[in-house]
Protein backbone atom coordinates (compact mmCIF):
# COMPACT_ATOMS: atom_id res chain seq x y z
CA MET A 1 98.40 136.48 63.29
CA THR A 2 100.47 136.38 66.54
CA THR A 3 101.48 132.93 67.68
CA ILE A 4 100.77 132.42 71.37
CA THR A 5 103.10 130.45 73.69
CA GLY A 6 100.82 129.02 76.26
CA TRP A 7 101.61 128.42 79.89
CA GLY A 8 100.09 125.99 82.34
CA LEU A 9 100.08 126.82 86.05
CA ILE A 10 100.60 123.75 88.18
CA GLY A 11 99.37 125.09 91.49
CA ALA A 12 96.79 127.76 92.04
CA SER A 13 99.15 129.56 94.50
CA ASN A 14 99.60 132.92 96.06
CA ILE A 15 102.89 133.48 94.22
CA ALA A 16 101.30 132.70 90.92
CA SER A 17 98.40 135.02 91.61
CA SER A 18 100.54 137.84 93.01
CA TYR A 19 103.49 137.83 90.67
CA MET A 20 103.90 135.12 88.03
CA ILE A 21 100.64 135.53 85.99
CA ASP A 22 101.55 139.22 85.37
CA ALA A 23 105.19 138.23 84.67
CA ILE A 24 104.12 135.70 82.10
CA ARG A 25 101.66 138.09 80.44
CA ALA A 26 104.35 140.79 80.38
CA GLN A 27 106.27 138.68 77.82
CA GLU A 28 105.18 139.28 74.15
CA GLY A 29 103.15 136.50 72.79
CA HIS A 30 102.87 134.57 76.04
CA GLU A 31 99.65 133.80 77.93
CA VAL A 32 98.44 131.57 80.83
CA VAL A 33 96.07 129.14 79.16
CA SER A 34 95.47 126.54 81.91
CA VAL A 35 95.64 126.12 85.75
CA LEU A 36 95.57 123.01 87.86
CA SER A 37 94.69 122.97 91.58
CA SER A 38 94.46 120.09 93.98
CA ASP A 39 90.92 121.45 94.68
CA ALA A 40 88.87 121.52 91.61
CA LEU A 41 86.57 124.19 92.81
CA ARG A 42 89.58 126.39 93.83
CA GLY A 43 91.02 125.86 90.28
CA GLN A 44 87.68 126.92 88.68
CA ALA A 45 87.53 130.00 90.80
CA PHE A 46 91.19 130.90 90.27
CA ALA A 47 90.77 130.56 86.53
CA ALA A 48 87.74 132.87 86.58
CA GLU A 49 89.41 135.45 88.69
CA HIS A 50 92.49 135.68 86.44
CA SER A 51 90.76 135.21 83.12
CA ILE A 52 92.43 131.85 82.43
CA GLU A 53 90.65 129.89 79.74
CA HIS A 54 90.94 126.41 81.14
CA ALA A 55 90.89 124.79 84.62
CA ALA A 56 92.53 121.44 84.28
CA GLU A 57 91.00 118.48 86.06
CA SER A 58 94.27 116.57 86.44
CA LEU A 59 97.93 116.94 85.72
CA ALA A 60 97.45 114.80 82.57
CA ASP A 61 94.65 116.93 81.40
CA LEU A 62 96.95 120.02 81.67
CA LEU A 63 99.92 118.34 80.08
CA ASN A 64 98.05 116.83 77.20
CA ASN A 65 96.68 120.31 76.27
CA PRO A 66 98.39 121.21 72.95
CA GLN A 67 98.09 124.87 73.84
CA VAL A 68 100.52 124.41 76.78
CA HIS A 69 104.15 124.83 75.92
CA ALA A 70 105.62 125.64 79.41
CA VAL A 71 104.60 125.04 82.93
CA TYR A 72 105.15 126.94 86.18
CA ILE A 73 105.18 124.70 89.22
CA SER A 74 104.34 126.35 92.47
CA THR A 75 102.76 123.48 94.45
CA THR A 76 103.97 122.30 97.77
CA ASN A 77 107.58 121.21 97.92
CA GLU A 78 106.98 117.46 98.05
CA LEU A 79 105.06 117.53 94.78
CA HIS A 80 107.63 119.29 92.53
CA PHE A 81 109.68 116.28 91.58
CA LYS A 82 106.85 114.09 89.98
CA GLN A 83 105.13 117.08 88.39
CA ALA A 84 108.40 118.28 86.67
CA ILE A 85 109.28 114.78 85.53
CA GLN A 86 105.85 114.42 83.90
CA ALA A 87 106.05 117.85 82.33
CA ALA A 88 109.45 117.12 80.76
CA GLN A 89 108.12 113.74 79.50
CA ALA A 90 105.24 115.67 77.92
CA GLY A 91 107.77 117.95 76.17
CA LYS A 92 106.93 121.12 78.28
CA HIS A 93 109.54 123.62 79.44
CA VAL A 94 109.63 123.79 83.21
CA LEU A 95 109.99 126.78 85.52
CA CYS A 96 109.90 125.44 89.10
CA GLU A 97 109.70 126.97 92.44
CA LYS A 98 112.50 126.34 94.91
CA PRO A 99 113.38 123.93 96.26
CA LEU A 100 113.42 121.67 93.17
CA ALA A 101 112.73 118.63 95.26
CA LEU A 102 113.17 117.23 98.80
CA ASP A 103 116.38 115.29 98.14
CA ILE A 104 119.39 115.88 95.91
CA GLN A 105 119.03 112.75 93.73
CA GLN A 106 115.52 113.67 92.75
CA ALA A 107 116.65 117.23 91.90
CA LYS A 108 119.37 115.77 89.69
CA ASP A 109 116.94 113.58 88.01
CA MET A 110 114.72 116.46 87.26
CA VAL A 111 117.67 118.11 85.50
CA ALA A 112 118.53 114.86 83.56
CA GLU A 113 114.96 114.34 82.50
CA CYS A 114 114.63 117.82 81.15
CA GLU A 115 117.93 117.48 79.22
CA LYS A 116 116.78 114.06 77.90
CA HIS A 117 113.53 115.62 76.44
CA GLY A 118 115.16 118.85 75.15
CA VAL A 119 113.17 121.18 77.47
CA VAL A 120 114.47 124.00 79.72
CA LEU A 121 114.43 123.59 83.37
CA ALA A 122 114.86 126.73 85.59
CA THR A 123 114.68 127.31 89.20
CA ASN A 124 112.69 130.45 90.27
CA HIS A 125 115.35 131.97 92.45
CA HIS A 126 113.99 135.52 91.96
CA LEU A 127 116.60 137.31 93.94
CA ARG A 128 119.08 136.65 90.95
CA ASN A 129 116.98 139.30 89.00
CA SER A 130 117.23 142.05 91.58
CA ALA A 131 118.69 145.21 90.25
CA LEU A 132 120.17 146.03 93.65
CA LEU A 133 121.92 142.73 93.89
CA ALA A 134 123.09 143.07 90.27
CA THR A 135 124.65 146.47 91.28
CA ALA A 136 126.27 144.94 94.23
CA LYS A 137 127.71 142.19 92.01
CA SER A 138 129.16 144.73 89.73
CA CYS A 139 130.76 146.61 92.59
CA LEU A 140 132.37 143.31 93.74
CA GLN A 141 133.66 142.59 90.24
CA SER A 142 135.13 146.18 90.00
CA GLY A 143 137.22 145.64 93.10
CA ILE A 144 135.87 148.75 94.82
CA ILE A 145 135.67 146.97 98.19
CA GLY A 146 138.69 144.78 97.64
CA LYS A 147 138.86 141.10 98.65
CA VAL A 148 135.73 140.01 100.34
CA GLN A 149 136.32 138.85 103.90
CA ASN A 150 132.92 138.28 105.50
CA VAL A 151 129.22 138.41 104.74
CA ARG A 152 126.25 139.04 106.97
CA VAL A 153 122.78 138.07 105.85
CA PHE A 154 119.54 139.15 107.57
CA HIS A 155 116.60 137.29 106.19
CA ALA A 156 114.30 136.81 109.20
CA VAL A 157 110.84 137.96 108.41
CA ALA A 158 107.17 137.58 109.72
CA LEU A 159 105.34 134.88 107.76
CA PRO A 160 102.02 136.44 106.66
CA ALA A 161 98.94 134.71 108.00
CA LYS A 162 97.93 133.46 104.50
CA LEU A 163 101.23 131.58 104.26
CA LYS A 164 101.12 129.94 107.68
CA THR A 165 99.91 126.66 106.27
CA TRP A 166 102.16 123.98 104.73
CA ARG A 167 105.32 125.97 105.32
CA LEU A 168 105.07 125.23 108.99
CA THR A 169 104.66 121.39 108.56
CA SER A 170 107.19 118.70 107.86
CA ASN A 171 104.84 116.55 105.59
CA ASN A 172 105.07 119.03 102.74
CA GLY A 173 108.80 119.90 103.03
CA GLY A 174 108.06 123.02 105.15
CA GLY A 175 110.35 124.98 107.34
CA VAL A 176 112.59 128.05 106.97
CA VAL A 177 115.57 126.07 105.55
CA LEU A 178 113.71 124.71 102.54
CA ASP A 179 112.02 128.02 102.09
CA ILE A 180 114.68 130.66 102.64
CA THR A 181 118.01 128.99 103.01
CA VAL A 182 117.92 127.85 99.42
CA HIS A 183 117.42 131.42 98.29
CA ASP A 184 120.23 132.80 100.44
CA ALA A 185 122.63 130.04 99.20
CA ASP A 186 121.73 130.95 95.55
CA THR A 187 122.05 134.58 96.29
CA LEU A 188 125.48 134.40 97.79
CA ALA A 189 126.61 132.05 94.99
CA TYR A 190 125.40 134.76 92.50
CA LEU A 191 127.34 137.47 94.30
CA LEU A 192 130.43 135.56 95.23
CA ASP A 193 130.58 132.95 92.41
CA GLU A 194 130.98 130.37 95.05
CA TYR A 195 129.09 127.95 97.35
CA PRO A 196 129.98 127.27 100.93
CA SER A 197 132.25 124.30 101.70
CA GLU A 198 131.07 123.67 105.22
CA VAL A 199 128.16 124.87 107.34
CA THR A 200 126.98 124.80 110.95
CA ALA A 201 123.58 125.84 112.24
CA LEU A 202 121.38 126.11 115.32
CA THR A 203 117.67 126.52 115.64
CA ASP A 204 115.73 127.61 118.81
CA GLN A 205 114.08 125.28 121.34
CA ALA A 206 110.60 126.13 120.04
CA SER A 207 111.54 124.99 116.60
CA ARG A 208 113.13 121.88 117.84
CA ALA A 209 109.98 121.02 119.87
CA ALA A 210 107.64 121.72 116.87
CA GLY A 211 109.83 119.50 114.52
CA VAL A 212 109.99 122.27 111.86
CA GLU A 213 112.49 124.97 112.14
CA ASP A 214 111.13 128.51 111.86
CA ALA A 215 114.20 130.31 113.15
CA VAL A 216 117.85 129.41 112.15
CA MET A 217 121.22 130.98 112.61
CA MET A 218 124.13 129.69 110.63
CA ILE A 219 127.85 130.12 109.84
CA TRP A 220 129.04 129.18 106.36
CA ASN A 221 132.71 128.75 105.40
CA TYR A 222 133.95 129.16 101.82
CA ASN A 223 137.11 127.76 100.34
CA SER A 224 138.23 131.28 99.36
CA GLY A 225 138.32 132.16 103.02
CA ILE A 226 135.03 134.08 103.26
CA MET A 227 132.91 133.42 106.22
CA ALA A 228 129.13 134.25 106.14
CA GLN A 229 126.74 134.75 109.07
CA VAL A 230 123.21 133.99 108.02
CA HIS A 231 119.99 134.58 110.11
CA GLU A 232 116.70 133.39 108.80
CA GLY A 233 113.26 133.02 110.33
CA PHE A 234 109.47 133.25 110.00
CA LYS A 235 108.63 135.03 113.24
CA THR A 236 110.63 138.37 113.18
CA GLY A 237 108.06 141.01 112.66
CA HIS A 238 109.93 144.24 113.16
CA SER A 239 113.02 144.18 111.06
CA GLN A 240 114.13 144.59 107.44
CA THR A 241 115.96 142.02 105.32
CA GLY A 242 119.50 142.87 104.38
CA ILE A 243 122.97 141.88 103.40
CA GLU A 244 126.39 143.29 104.31
CA ILE A 245 129.43 142.40 102.21
CA LEU A 246 132.67 143.29 104.13
CA GLY A 247 135.80 143.77 102.06
CA GLU A 248 139.39 144.88 102.69
CA LYS A 249 138.69 148.30 101.19
CA GLY A 250 135.04 148.90 102.02
CA THR A 251 131.63 147.50 102.83
CA LEU A 252 128.50 147.12 100.73
CA ILE A 253 125.27 147.42 102.83
CA GLY A 254 121.97 146.42 101.18
CA THR A 255 118.80 147.04 103.23
CA ASN A 256 115.26 145.82 102.59
CA CYS A 257 116.61 143.97 99.60
CA LEU A 258 115.93 140.29 100.04
CA THR A 259 112.28 140.64 99.07
CA GLN A 260 109.85 139.93 96.21
CA GLU A 261 109.60 143.57 95.52
CA PRO A 262 111.86 145.93 93.46
CA ILE A 263 112.87 147.96 96.48
CA GLY A 264 115.75 148.53 98.79
CA GLU A 265 118.88 150.66 99.28
CA LEU A 266 122.54 149.89 98.61
CA VAL A 267 125.19 151.93 100.34
CA LEU A 268 129.02 151.86 99.79
CA GLN A 269 130.82 152.51 103.05
CA GLN A 270 134.54 153.29 103.18
CA ARG A 271 137.08 155.20 105.36
CA ASN A 272 138.92 158.15 103.88
CA ASP A 273 142.68 158.85 104.30
CA ASP A 274 141.71 160.69 107.49
CA GLY A 275 139.99 157.63 108.85
CA GLU A 276 136.61 159.11 108.51
CA LEU A 277 133.72 156.81 107.62
CA THR A 278 132.07 157.83 104.39
CA ARG A 279 128.70 156.57 102.98
CA LYS A 280 127.52 156.80 99.45
CA THR A 281 124.01 155.78 98.44
CA LEU A 282 124.21 153.91 95.02
CA ASP A 283 121.65 154.50 92.22
CA ILE A 284 119.63 151.45 91.61
CA PRO A 285 117.58 150.96 88.39
CA HIS A 286 114.93 148.81 90.05
CA ARG A 287 112.99 146.32 87.96
CA ASN A 288 110.27 143.72 88.47
CA LEU A 289 112.14 140.61 89.63
CA TYR A 290 109.56 138.15 88.30
CA ILE A 291 109.19 139.84 84.88
CA GLU A 292 113.01 139.89 84.50
CA GLY A 293 113.36 136.18 85.57
CA THR A 294 110.52 135.13 83.23
CA ARG A 295 112.14 137.15 80.32
CA ARG A 296 115.31 135.17 80.87
CA PHE A 297 113.44 131.97 80.89
CA VAL A 298 111.68 132.80 77.70
CA GLU A 299 114.94 133.66 76.02
CA ALA A 300 116.24 130.28 77.10
CA MET A 301 113.19 128.57 75.72
CA ASN A 302 113.91 130.33 72.38
CA GLY A 303 117.56 129.10 72.48
CA GLU A 304 118.86 132.48 73.12
CA GLY A 305 120.66 132.13 76.51
CA THR A 306 120.20 130.50 79.91
CA PRO A 307 117.69 131.14 82.66
CA ALA A 308 118.77 133.40 85.47
CA ALA A 309 118.93 130.31 87.78
CA THR A 310 119.25 126.86 85.93
CA GLY A 311 118.19 123.52 87.19
CA GLU A 312 121.86 122.93 88.18
CA ASP A 313 121.70 126.03 90.32
CA GLY A 314 118.66 124.60 91.97
CA VAL A 315 120.49 121.38 92.75
CA ARG A 316 123.29 123.30 94.38
CA SER A 317 121.19 125.57 96.51
CA LEU A 318 119.23 122.51 97.72
CA THR A 319 122.47 120.80 98.57
CA VAL A 320 123.44 123.62 100.82
CA ALA A 321 120.01 123.67 102.52
CA LEU A 322 120.05 119.90 103.15
CA SER A 323 123.50 120.32 104.57
CA VAL A 324 122.14 122.95 106.93
CA LYS A 325 119.39 120.56 107.97
CA GLN A 326 121.92 117.88 108.61
CA ALA A 327 123.93 120.36 110.74
CA LEU A 328 120.80 121.15 112.78
CA GLU A 329 120.42 117.50 113.50
CA SER A 330 124.06 116.80 114.34
CA ARG A 331 124.89 120.10 115.90
CA CYS A 332 128.23 119.80 114.16
CA VAL A 333 129.99 121.37 111.23
CA GLU A 334 128.94 119.58 108.02
CA ARG A 335 130.67 119.48 104.72
CA VAL A 336 128.76 120.59 101.61
CA ILE A 337 129.39 118.05 98.81
CA LEU A 338 128.43 119.72 95.53
C-alpha cells in the first residue's frame, strides 16, 4: 500500500489552482488533502472543483489534521507570518509564497521557528527552477561572456483583471515591489551569486498618489562592480519580460523568460574577430517551473537536499525589496544590510 504524503493548502488562491495543485500531484505519493479559505463557501467550492477531500473550517482545523504533513501558503502577504509560525509549531513542512513576511524580523522568526521544530521552510521563488535561467547560469559559470559588467531586467507586465485585487492595496502588503522586486532580487542572486549592496529607485506620480507603487525603475549596485537596471510594473501591456547580462566577452539575452510558464528564448551575442555581431540561439530543455520547485522541496522534506529557494533566501530577497521601498520614500541611495 502506497503511503500518501498529504498537503494542506492555506489559501484557495489562483496560483494554487493554476499551478501548485498539479505540481504537488506530480510528485509520487503526494496529494492535496485539505484546503483553507477565508471564505468558507469559497473553500468548499474550491475543494469540490479540485477533488480535494477536506475543506477546513479554520487554520487549527487544517493543522490538526493528521493527514496533513506539509502546507503551501498562498494567502495575502500580511498573513504569511502567523500562518507559517503556527504550521511549524504543528510540525508541518512549509512552502510559502513570497514575500515571506512584511518585515525582516518576522521573516527571520519564520526561519528560526521552522528550524526549532525540525521542519523545512522554502520560499516559492519559481524562477530559480527555470531551465532557461539555469542555462544562463551555466553560461556565466563557463566564462563564455567573461566578467559580468551590467545587467538589465525588464519585468513590467499587465496585471490580469482577476489579480487586480489585494495586490493594488497597501493593507495586504500589495504593490509591485513586494510582488516582483523580491523575485528579481532572488533571480539575480541565483545568476550572479550576489545580492546588491545598495539600491536607488523611483516610481511614477500616479503610484505615489495612490500610495501603492505599480511602476518602479531601479538601479542596483553590487560589491563586485556589477550594476543592474531593473524596470518592474503592473500596467505595461505590450511588452515581454526579459533579462540581458552584459559581459566583457559577450552578452546573454533572455526574452519572455521571467514568467510562470516554461517558455522563452536565450541568445548568446558576441563580436567575432572582424567586429561583426553574431547571435546564437541556445537550446533550452524547458520544464514546468512549479513541478521542479516542488520536487526540490519534497527532496528536502525527505532529507535529500535543500529547496530551490530556502527560507534564508526569502529573507534576503525581502531585505532587498524593503530597501527599495525605503529608497522610494527617501529618494536616495539606500544600503542593503543583509
